[in-house]
């Protein structure tokens, strides 16, 4: 590639753009303080989240009731009922 013309003046213009002038004092600038605000929805979510942490994943009373029925021999489920429930669960997932 051949560059023709007054290359000296082009370089001079480039150097003028490149030069950095003195920067004035910046002591008069005061830094701004960061402010964080939490929306009411976020506060509500936080409250509900904390409340749900205190709730157990299962109800111990139901577990104890089932354990009593099972240990006394009163829990009797036929194989047909089990297959029907599994089939219903599979069909519900596909729907």
C-alpha atoms as a PDB file:
ATOM      1  CA  UNK A   1       0.000   0.000   0.000  1.00  0.00           C
ATOM      2  CA  UNK A   2       1.395   3.372  -0.949  1.00  0.00           C
ATOM      3  CA  UNK A   3       0.618   6.462   1.102  1.00  0.00           C
ATOM      4  CA  UNK A   4       1.053   9.716  -0.705  1.00  0.00           C
ATOM      5  CA  UNK A   5       0.657  13.292   0.448  1.00  0.00           C
ATOM      6  CA  UNK A   6       2.041  15.309   3.287  1.00  0.00           C
ATOM      7  CA  UNK A   7       2.739  12.599   5.871  1.00  0.00           C
ATOM      8  CA  UNK A   8       4.429  15.058   8.234  1.00  0.00           C
ATOM      9  CA  UNK A   9       1.217  17.089   8.702  1.00  0.00           C
ATOM     10  CA  UNK A  10      -0.831  13.932   9.194  1.00  0.00           C
ATOM     11  CA  UNK A  11       1.560  12.794  11.915  1.00  0.00           C
ATOM     12  CA  UNK A  12       1.417  16.260  13.520  1.00  0.00           C
ATOM     13  CA  UNK A  13      -2.399  16.179  13.693  1.00  0.00           C
ATOM     14  CA  UNK A  14      -2.298  12.688  15.152  1.00  0.00           C
ATOM     15  CA  UNK A  15       0.199  13.759  17.821  1.00  0.00           C
ATOM     16  CA  UNK A  16      -1.997  16.742  18.793  1.00  0.00           C
ATOM     17  CA  UNK A  17      -4.961  14.442  19.375  1.00  0.00           C
ATOM     18  CA  UNK A  18      -2.795  12.079  21.347  1.00  0.00           C
ATOM     19  CA  UNK A  19      -1.380  14.655  23.729  1.00  0.00           C
ATOM     20  CA  UNK A  20      -2.975  14.992  27.124  1.00  0.00           C
ATOM     21  CA  UNK A  21      -3.508  18.385  28.673  1.00  0.00           C
ATOM     22  CA  UNK A  22      -3.096  19.070  32.376  1.00  0.00           C
ATOM     23  CA  UNK A  23      -6.056  18.057  34.443  1.00  0.00           C
ATOM     24  CA  UNK A  24      -7.363  20.553  36.983  1.00  0.00           C
ATOM     25  CA  UNK A  25      -7.591  19.815  40.656  1.00  0.00           C
ATOM     26  CA  UNK A  26     -10.211  17.246  41.583  1.00  0.00           C
ATOM     27  CA  UNK A  27     -10.311  17.961  45.288  1.00  0.00           C
ATOM     28  CA  UNK A  28     -13.582  19.844  44.881  1.00  0.00           C
ATOM     29  CA  UNK A  29     -15.406  16.669  43.830  1.00  0.00           C
ATOM     30  CA  UNK A  30     -17.196  14.966  46.692  1.00  0.00           C
ATOM     31  CA  UNK A  31     -17.835  11.241  46.358  1.00  0.00           C
ATOM     32  CA  UNK A  32     -21.456  10.131  46.283  1.00  0.00           C
ATOM     33  CA  UNK A  33     -22.636   7.626  48.848  1.00  0.00           C
ATOM     34  CA  UNK A  34     -24.152   4.370  47.671  1.00  0.00           C
ATOM     35  CA  UNK A  35     -27.768   3.823  48.591  1.00  0.00           C
ATOM     36  CA  UNK A  36     -29.474   0.449  48.637  1.00  0.00           C
ATOM     37  CA  UNK A  37     -33.231   0.126  48.813  1.00  0.00           C
ATOM     38  CA  UNK A  38     -35.179  -3.106  49.089  1.00  0.00           C
ATOM     39  CA  UNK A  39     -38.645  -3.264  47.549  1.00  0.00           C
ATOM     40  CA  UNK A  40     -41.691  -4.273  49.555  1.00  0.00           C
ATOM     41  CA  UNK A  41     -42.048  -7.423  47.435  1.00  0.00           C
ATOM     42  CA  UNK A  42     -38.505  -8.436  48.330  1.00  0.00           C
ATOM     43  CA  UNK A  43     -39.201  -7.805  52.019  1.00  0.00           C
ATOM     44  CA  UNK A  44     -42.362  -9.916  51.824  1.00  0.00           C
ATOM     45  CA  UNK A  45     -40.449 -12.680  50.049  1.00  0.00           C
ATOM     46  CA  UNK A  46     -37.773 -12.603  52.740  1.00  0.00           C
ATOM     47  CA  UNK A  47     -40.391 -12.854  55.501  1.00  0.00           C
ATOM     48  CA  UNK A  48     -42.137 -15.797  53.831  1.00  0.00           C
ATOM     49  CA  UNK A  49     -38.815 -17.502  53.131  1.00  0.00           C
ATOM     50  CA  UNK A  50     -37.823 -17.274  56.796  1.00  0.00           C
ATOM     51  CA  UNK A  51     -41.224 -18.614  57.887  1.00  0.00           C
ATOM     52  CA  UNK A  52     -40.973 -21.583  55.498  1.00  0.00           C
ATOM     53  CA  UNK A  53     -37.570 -22.524  56.888  1.00  0.00           C
ATOM     54  CA  UNK A  54     -39.213 -23.089  60.271  1.00  0.00           C
ATOM     55  CA  UNK A  55     -41.884 -25.420  58.842  1.00  0.00           C
ATOM     56  CA  UNK A  56     -40.810 -29.081  58.768  1.00  0.00           C
ATOM     57  CA  UNK A  57     -40.757 -30.941  55.449  1.00  0.00           C
ATOM     58  CA  UNK A  58     -43.188 -33.538  56.774  1.00  0.00           C
ATOM     59  CA  UNK A  59     -45.824 -33.750  59.491  1.00  0.00           C
ATOM     60  CA  UNK A  60     -44.577 -35.980  62.271  1.00  0.00           C
ATOM     61  CA  UNK A  61     -48.121 -36.651  63.467  1.00  0.00           C
ATOM     62  CA  UNK A  62     -49.012 -38.230  60.103  1.00  0.00           C
ATOM     63  CA  UNK A  63     -45.840 -40.326  60.157  1.00  0.00           C
ATOM     64  CA  UNK A  64     -46.604 -41.546  63.673  1.00  0.00           C
ATOM     65  CA  UNK A  65     -50.205 -42.354  62.700  1.00  0.00           C
ATOM     66  CA  UNK A  66     -49.066 -44.399  59.700  1.00  0.00           C
ATOM     67  CA  UNK A  67     -46.405 -46.167  61.783  1.00  0.00           C
ATOM     68  CA  UNK A  68     -49.052 -47.208  64.324  1.00  0.00           C
ATOM     69  CA  UNK A  69     -51.410 -48.532  61.639  1.00  0.00           C
ATOM     70  CA  UNK A  70     -48.596 -50.366  59.850  1.00  0.00           C
ATOM     71  CA  UNK A  71     -47.153 -51.938  62.992  1.00  0.00           C
ATOM     72  CA  UNK A  72     -50.608 -53.106  64.142  1.00  0.00           C
ATOM     73  CA  UNK A  73     -51.134 -54.841  60.774  1.00  0.00           C
ATOM     74  CA  UNK A  74     -54.026 -52.611  59.768  1.00  0.00           C
ATOM     75  CA  UNK A  75     -52.313 -51.327  56.631  1.00  0.00           C
ATOM     76  CA  UNK A  76     -53.398 -53.499  53.755  1.00  0.00           C
ATOM     77  CA  UNK A  77     -53.154 -52.276  50.174  1.00  0.00           C
ATOM     78  CA  UNK A  78     -53.694 -54.532  47.190  1.00  0.00           C
ATOM     79  CA  UNK A  79     -51.271 -54.669  44.285  1.00  0.00           C
ATOM     80  CA  UNK A  80     -54.052 -53.494  41.980  1.00  0.00           C
ATOM     81  CA  UNK A  81     -54.442 -50.235  43.945  1.00  0.00           C
ATOM     82  CA  UNK A  82     -50.692 -49.614  43.751  1.00  0.00           C
ATOM     83  CA  UNK A  83     -50.611 -50.151  39.970  1.00  0.00           C
ATOM     84  CA  UNK A  84     -53.632 -47.872  39.505  1.00  0.00           C
ATOM     85  CA  UNK A  85     -51.994 -45.071  41.509  1.00  0.00           C
ATOM     86  CA  UNK A  86     -48.697 -45.415  39.613  1.00  0.00           C
ATOM     87  CA  UNK A  87     -50.523 -45.408  36.270  1.00  0.00           C
ATOM     88  CA  UNK A  88     -52.554 -42.337  37.248  1.00  0.00           C
ATOM     89  CA  UNK A  89     -49.381 -40.511  38.335  1.00  0.00           C
ATOM     90  CA  UNK A  90     -47.692 -41.290  35.002  1.00  0.00           C
ATOM     91  CA  UNK A  91     -50.715 -40.113  33.008  1.00  0.00           C
ATOM     92  CA  UNK A  92     -50.932 -36.912  35.077  1.00  0.00           C
ATOM     93  CA  UNK A  93     -47.269 -36.132  34.342  1.00  0.00           C
ATOM     94  CA  UNK A  94     -47.794 -36.502  30.579  1.00  0.00           C
ATOM     95  CA  UNK A  95     -50.869 -34.251  30.570  1.00  0.00           C
END
